[in-house]
Amino acid sequence: MTSRSRLSTSVLLTCAAIGVATGVLQVAAGVISVPVSATLPILYGLVLGVHVLPGVIAQELLRAPWVALITHFVAALVASAMTPPWIGRYIGTALLIGGLQELVAATSRYKQWQPWRFFVSAVVVGAVIAVAIWFAADVTRFPLWGQIFYVALFIAGPVAWTAVGLGIGRALRRAGVPRRVHG
């Protein structure tokens, strides 16, 4: 007899559904990010924070290993299909954020699913992205208060979107999705 896979078809289909929905949202965020970066660049961290949603929803709902990374990858494929020139950005972001979310969950051996664990993950993601953006963007063009605010919003964005994702995940769980909860 073969051993049962930890990722059932139902889990994979749930990841795919979440990935499609959040991939469309990521395209919308990508479209919005262009004018935001041009007119109000200091708010870019709030827009970029939407990228935590696939993993947060998947982990809150399914509470299983690998679901964040799988869902992020599906979201990246959907977003890339709609915006092919950004495929590298979407795949890179999926691997970075999904990987960080999996790493934080793995530190508790996938046994801690309280909200605080998700918010720790959001702060880690925000800090890593803030450091990367600090070097990629000319943050020093802002006054000191603007630099601090800019970096703070790169942490606040993922935290705020994590709260949204937890709410969505809980609502899906209450609605009976999935029928069998793994983890």
C-alpha atoms as a PDB file:
ATOM      1  CA  MET A   1       0.000   0.000   0.000  1.00  0.00           C
ATOM      2  CA  THR A   2       1.339   3.476  -0.828  1.00  0.00           C
ATOM      3  CA  SER A   3       1.638   6.141   1.802  1.00  0.00           C
ATOM      4  CA  ARG A   4      -0.773   9.032   1.638  1.00  0.00           C
ATOM      5  CA  SER A   5       0.634  12.296   0.309  1.00  0.00           C
ATOM      6  CA  ARG A   6       0.739  15.203   2.744  1.00  0.00           C
ATOM      7  CA  LEU A   7      -0.581  17.432  -0.024  1.00  0.00           C
ATOM      8  CA  SER A   8      -3.844  15.979  -1.197  1.00  0.00           C
ATOM      9  CA  THR A   9      -5.570  16.966  -4.404  1.00  0.00           C
ATOM     10  CA  SER A  10      -8.017  19.024  -2.375  1.00  0.00           C
ATOM     11  CA  VAL A  11      -5.156  20.963  -0.747  1.00  0.00           C
ATOM     12  CA  LEU A  12      -3.495  21.569  -4.114  1.00  0.00           C
ATOM     13  CA  LEU A  13      -6.783  22.714  -5.677  1.00  0.00           C
ATOM     14  CA  THR A  14      -7.397  25.041  -2.745  1.00  0.00           C
ATOM     15  CA  CYS A  15      -3.898  26.491  -3.171  1.00  0.00           C
ATOM     16  CA  ALA A  16      -4.601  26.941  -6.876  1.00  0.00           C
ATOM     17  CA  ALA A  17      -7.895  28.753  -6.240  1.00  0.00           C
ATOM     18  CA  ILE A  18      -6.294  31.093  -3.714  1.00  0.00           C
ATOM     19  CA  GLY A  19      -3.371  31.608  -6.079  1.00  0.00           C
ATOM     20  CA  VAL A  20      -5.611  32.579  -8.989  1.00  0.00           C
ATOM     21  CA  ALA A  21      -7.585  35.088  -6.931  1.00  0.00           C
ATOM     22  CA  THR A  22      -4.529  36.658  -5.347  1.00  0.00           C
ATOM     23  CA  GLY A  23      -2.612  36.606  -8.627  1.00  0.00           C
ATOM     24  CA  VAL A  24      -5.303  38.828 -10.159  1.00  0.00           C
ATOM     25  CA  LEU A  25      -5.029  41.114  -7.134  1.00  0.00           C
ATOM     26  CA  GLN A  26      -1.252  41.270  -7.564  1.00  0.00           C
ATOM     27  CA  VAL A  27      -1.704  42.424 -11.162  1.00  0.00           C
ATOM     28  CA  ALA A  28      -3.998  45.204  -9.918  1.00  0.00           C
ATOM     29  CA  ALA A  29      -1.366  46.151  -7.332  1.00  0.00           C
ATOM     30  CA  GLY A  30       1.255  46.156 -10.076  1.00  0.00           C
ATOM     31  CA  VAL A  31      -0.830  48.522 -12.168  1.00  0.00           C
ATOM     32  CA  ILE A  32      -1.409  50.804  -9.177  1.00  0.00           C
ATOM     33  CA  SER A  33       2.257  50.700  -8.172  1.00  0.00           C
ATOM     34  CA  VAL A  34       3.352  52.582 -11.292  1.00  0.00           C
ATOM     35  CA  PRO A  35       1.407  55.793 -10.576  1.00  0.00           C
ATOM     36  CA  VAL A  36       1.969  55.442  -6.816  1.00  0.00           C
ATOM     37  CA  SER A  37       5.732  55.197  -7.364  1.00  0.00           C
ATOM     38  CA  ALA A  38       5.630  58.211  -9.666  1.00  0.00           C
ATOM     39  CA  THR A  39       3.398  60.467  -7.558  1.00  0.00           C
ATOM     40  CA  LEU A  40       3.493  59.188  -3.951  1.00  0.00           C
ATOM     41  CA  PRO A  41       6.529  56.886  -3.776  1.00  0.00           C
ATOM     42  CA  ILE A  42       6.516  56.979   0.002  1.00  0.00           C
ATOM     43  CA  LEU A  43       3.306  54.855  -0.040  1.00  0.00           C
ATOM     44  CA  TYR A  44       4.775  52.108  -2.233  1.00  0.00           C
ATOM     45  CA  GLY A  45       5.281  49.767   0.756  1.00  0.00           C
ATOM     46  CA  LEU A  46       1.551  49.653   1.421  1.00  0.00           C
ATOM     47  CA  VAL A  47       0.867  48.615  -2.176  1.00  0.00           C
ATOM     48  CA  LEU A  48       3.680  46.060  -2.256  1.00  0.00           C
ATOM     49  CA  GLY A  49       2.391  44.486   0.973  1.00  0.00           C
ATOM     50  CA  VAL A  50      -0.443  42.830  -0.969  1.00  0.00           C
ATOM     51  CA  HIS A  51       2.047  40.174  -2.032  1.00  0.00           C
ATOM     52  CA  VAL A  52       1.807  38.453   1.375  1.00  0.00           C
ATOM     53  CA  LEU A  53      -1.840  37.494   0.790  1.00  0.00           C
ATOM     54  CA  PRO A  54      -1.423  34.146  -1.032  1.00  0.00           C
ATOM     55  CA  GLY A  55       0.674  32.600   1.727  1.00  0.00           C
ATOM     56  CA  VAL A  56      -1.273  34.079   4.615  1.00  0.00           C
ATOM     57  CA  ILE A  57      -4.632  32.884   3.295  1.00  0.00           C
ATOM     58  CA  ALA A  58      -3.276  29.431   2.412  1.00  0.00           C
ATOM     59  CA  GLN A  59      -1.526  28.925   5.747  1.00  0.00           C
ATOM     60  CA  GLU A  60      -4.450  30.220   7.809  1.00  0.00           C
ATOM     61  CA  LEU A  61      -6.893  28.030   5.925  1.00  0.00           C
ATOM     62  CA  LEU A  62      -4.900  24.837   5.379  1.00  0.00           C
ATOM     63  CA  ARG A  63      -2.325  24.928   8.200  1.00  0.00           C
ATOM     64  CA  ALA A  64       0.069  22.661   6.369  1.00  0.00           C
ATOM     65  CA  PRO A  65       3.660  22.744   5.112  1.00  0.00           C
ATOM     66  CA  TRP A  66       4.425  24.101   1.633  1.00  0.00           C
ATOM     67  CA  VAL A  67       1.005  25.675   1.034  1.00  0.00           C
ATOM     68  CA  ALA A  68       2.369  29.239   1.182  1.00  0.00           C
ATOM     69  CA  LEU A  69       5.062  28.549  -1.396  1.00  0.00           C
ATOM     70  CA  ILE A  70       2.735  26.621  -3.714  1.00  0.00           C
ATOM     71  CA  THR A  71       0.038  29.300  -3.525  1.00  0.00           C
ATOM     72  CA  HIS A  72       2.552  32.091  -4.104  1.00  0.00           C
ATOM     73  CA  PHE A  73       3.895  30.257  -7.143  1.00  0.00           C
ATOM     74  CA  VAL A  74       0.400  29.855  -8.646  1.00  0.00           C
ATOM     75  CA  ALA A  75      -0.321  33.539  -7.968  1.00  0.00           C
ATOM     76  CA  ALA A  76       2.947  34.448  -9.699  1.00  0.00           C
ATOM     77  CA  LEU A  77       2.054  32.339 -12.736  1.00  0.00           C
ATOM     78  CA  VAL A  78      -1.381  33.970 -12.988  1.00  0.00           C
ATOM     79  CA  ALA A  79       0.054  37.471 -12.603  1.00  0.00           C
ATOM     80  CA  SER A  80       2.801  36.671 -15.126  1.00  0.00           C
ATOM     81  CA  ALA A  81       0.237  35.450 -17.655  1.00  0.00           C
ATOM     82  CA  MET A  82      -1.489  38.828 -17.415  1.00  0.00           C
ATOM     83  CA  THR A  83       1.722  40.875 -17.344  1.00  0.00           C
ATOM     84  CA  PRO A  84       4.433  38.812 -19.111  1.00  0.00           C
ATOM     85  CA  PRO A  85       7.206  41.436 -18.894  1.00  0.00           C
ATOM     86  CA  TRP A  86       7.049  41.184 -15.082  1.00  0.00           C
ATOM     87  CA  ILE A  87       7.440  37.400 -14.884  1.00  0.00           C
ATOM     88  CA  GLY A  88      10.820  37.666 -13.157  1.00  0.00           C
ATOM     89  CA  ARG A  89       9.448  40.071 -10.564  1.00  0.00           C
ATOM     90  CA  TYR A  90       6.428  37.927  -9.812  1.00  0.00           C
ATOM     91  CA  ILE A  91       8.346  34.649  -9.598  1.00  0.00           C
ATOM     92  CA  GLY A  92      11.129  36.235  -7.536  1.00  0.00           C
ATOM     93  CA  THR A  93       8.630  37.832  -5.165  1.00  0.00           C
ATOM     94  CA  ALA A  94       6.741  34.539  -4.832  1.00  0.00           C
ATOM     95  CA  LEU A  95       9.891  32.634  -3.957  1.00  0.00           C
ATOM     96  CA  LEU A  96      11.088  35.298  -1.526  1.00  0.00           C
ATOM     97  CA  ILE A  97       7.846  35.941   0.337  1.00  0.00           C
ATOM     98  CA  GLY A  98       6.503  32.384   0.140  1.00  0.00           C
ATOM     99  CA  GLY A  99       9.875  31.068   1.259  1.00  0.00           C
ATOM    100  CA  LEU A 100      10.046  33.457   4.209  1.00  0.00           C
ATOM    101  CA  GLN A 101       6.487  32.546   5.241  1.00  0.00           C
ATOM    102  CA  GLU A 102       7.342  28.839   5.058  1.00  0.00           C
ATOM    103  CA  LEU A 103      10.567  29.407   7.008  1.00  0.00           C
ATOM    104  CA  VAL A 104       8.761  31.207   9.839  1.00  0.00           C
ATOM    105  CA  ALA A 105       6.090  28.468   9.961  1.00  0.00           C
ATOM    106  CA  ALA A 106       8.766  25.759   9.870  1.00  0.00           C
ATOM    107  CA  THR A 107      10.504  27.210  12.933  1.00  0.00           C
ATOM    108  CA  SER A 108       7.480  26.057  14.932  1.00  0.00           C
ATOM    109  CA  ARG A 109       7.342  22.771  13.023  1.00  0.00           C
ATOM    110  CA  TYR A 110       4.070  23.960  11.476  1.00  0.00           C
ATOM    111  CA  LYS A 111       2.311  23.756  14.852  1.00  0.00           C
ATOM    112  CA  GLN A 112       1.789  27.446  15.685  1.00  0.00           C
ATOM    113  CA  TRP A 113      -1.119  29.027  13.809  1.00  0.00           C
ATOM    114  CA  GLN A 114      -2.056  31.819  16.195  1.00  0.00           C
ATOM    115  CA  PRO A 115      -2.250  35.331  14.685  1.00  0.00           C
ATOM    116  CA  TRP A 116       0.997  36.425  16.375  1.00  0.00           C
ATOM    117  CA  ARG A 117       2.940  33.897  14.268  1.00  0.00           C
ATOM    118  CA  PHE A 118       1.528  35.389  11.062  1.00  0.00           C
ATOM    119  CA  PHE A 119       2.395  38.905  12.212  1.00  0.00           C
ATOM    120  CA  VAL A 120       5.960  37.827  13.035  1.00  0.00           C
ATOM    121  CA  SER A 121       6.139  36.489   9.479  1.00  0.00           C
ATOM    122  CA  ALA A 122       4.771  39.791   8.131  1.00  0.00           C
ATOM    123  CA  VAL A 123       7.397  41.811  10.007  1.00  0.00           C
ATOM    124  CA  VAL A 124      10.168  39.511   8.739  1.00  0.00           C
ATOM    125  CA  VAL A 125       8.896  39.828   5.148  1.00  0.00           C
ATOM    126  CA  GLY A 126       8.533  43.604   5.497  1.00  0.00           C
ATOM    127  CA  ALA A 127      12.021  44.008   6.947  1.00  0.00           C
ATOM    128  CA  VAL A 128      13.643  41.919   4.207  1.00  0.00           C
ATOM    129  CA  ILE A 129      11.802  43.834   1.490  1.00  0.00           C
ATOM    130  CA  ALA A 130      12.600  47.185   3.146  1.00  0.00           C
ATOM    131  CA  VAL A 131      16.314  46.355   3.131  1.00  0.00           C
ATOM    132  CA  ALA A 132      16.180  45.281  -0.521  1.00  0.00           C
ATOM    133  CA  ILE A 133      14.236  48.386  -1.536  1.00  0.00           C
ATOM    134  CA  TRP A 134      16.598  50.607   0.460  1.00  0.00           C
ATOM    135  CA  PHE A 135      19.410  49.543  -1.858  1.00  0.00           C
ATOM    136  CA  ALA A 136      17.307  49.381  -5.045  1.00  0.00           C
ATOM    137  CA  ALA A 137      15.557  52.748  -4.672  1.00  0.00           C
ATOM    138  CA  ASP A 138      17.123  56.083  -3.922  1.00  0.00           C
ATOM    139  CA  VAL A 139      15.605  56.337  -0.447  1.00  0.00           C
ATOM    140  CA  THR A 140      18.118  58.989   0.554  1.00  0.00           C
ATOM    141  CA  ARG A 141      16.245  61.425  -1.710  1.00  0.00           C
ATOM    142  CA  PHE A 142      13.703  61.737   1.107  1.00  0.00           C
ATOM    143  CA  PRO A 143      14.353  63.776   4.247  1.00  0.00           C
ATOM    144  CA  LEU A 144      15.214  61.686   7.315  1.00  0.00           C
ATOM    145  CA  TRP A 145      11.587  61.560   8.494  1.00  0.00           C
ATOM    146  CA  GLY A 146      10.587  60.397   4.984  1.00  0.00           C
ATOM    147  CA  GLN A 147      13.210  57.661   4.991  1.00  0.00           C
ATOM    148  CA  ILE A 148      11.945  56.383   8.340  1.00  0.00           C
ATOM    149  CA  PHE A 149       8.317  56.582   7.198  1.00  0.00           C
ATOM    150  CA  TYR A 150       9.161  54.871   3.886  1.00  0.00           C
ATOM    151  CA  VAL A 151      10.823  51.926   5.626  1.00  0.00           C
ATOM    152  CA  ALA A 152       8.070  51.749   8.264  1.00  0.00           C
ATOM    153  CA  LEU A 153       5.427  51.431   5.546  1.00  0.00           C
ATOM    154  CA  PHE A 154       7.313  48.503   4.014  1.00  0.00           C
ATOM    155  CA  ILE A 155       6.770  46.751   7.333  1.00  0.00           C
ATOM    156  CA  ALA A 156       3.261  48.129   7.957  1.00  0.00           C
ATOM    157  CA  GLY A 157       2.091  47.081   4.469  1.00  0.00           C
ATOM    158  CA  PRO A 158       2.671  43.354   4.970  1.00  0.00           C
ATOM    159  CA  VAL A 159       1.287  43.588   8.520  1.00  0.00           C
ATOM    160  CA  ALA A 160      -1.930  45.250   7.304  1.00  0.00           C
ATOM    161  CA  TRP A 161      -2.342  42.805   4.409  1.00  0.00           C
ATOM    162  CA  THR A 162      -1.669  39.924   6.808  1.00  0.00           C
ATOM    163  CA  ALA A 163      -4.640  41.061   8.901  1.00  0.00           C
ATOM    164  CA  VAL A 164      -6.763  41.060   5.732  1.00  0.00           C
ATOM    165  CA  GLY A 165      -5.470  37.599   4.768  1.00  0.00           C
ATOM    166  CA  LEU A 166      -6.201  36.183   8.221  1.00  0.00           C
ATOM    167  CA  GLY A 167      -9.749  37.497   7.965  1.00  0.00           C
ATOM    168  CA  ILE A 168     -10.217  35.906   4.541  1.00  0.00           C
ATOM    169  CA  GLY A 169      -8.709  32.611   5.704  1.00  0.00           C
ATOM    170  CA  ARG A 170     -10.967  32.498   8.769  1.00  0.00           C
ATOM    171  CA  ALA A 171     -14.034  33.302   6.674  1.00  0.00           C
ATOM    172  CA  LEU A 172     -13.189  30.499   4.251  1.00  0.00           C
ATOM    173  CA  ARG A 173     -12.656  28.112   7.167  1.00  0.00           C
ATOM    174  CA  ARG A 174     -16.058  29.065   8.654  1.00  0.00           C
ATOM    175  CA  ALA A 175     -17.611  28.509   5.228  1.00  0.00           C
ATOM    176  CA  GLY A 176     -16.274  24.940   5.205  1.00  0.00           C
ATOM    177  CA  VAL A 177     -13.348  25.340   2.825  1.00  0.00           C
ATOM    178  CA  PRO A 178     -11.664  22.877   2.847  1.00  0.00           C
ATOM    179  CA  ARG A 179     -13.927  20.129   4.124  1.00  0.00           C
ATOM    180  CA  ARG A 180     -11.040  18.372   5.844  1.00  0.00           C
ATOM    181  CA  VAL A 181      -8.483  20.570   7.547  1.00  0.00           C
ATOM    182  CA  HIS A 182      -4.928  19.219   7.401  1.00  0.00           C
ATOM    183  CA  GLY A 183      -2.215  20.032   9.914  1.00  0.00           C
END
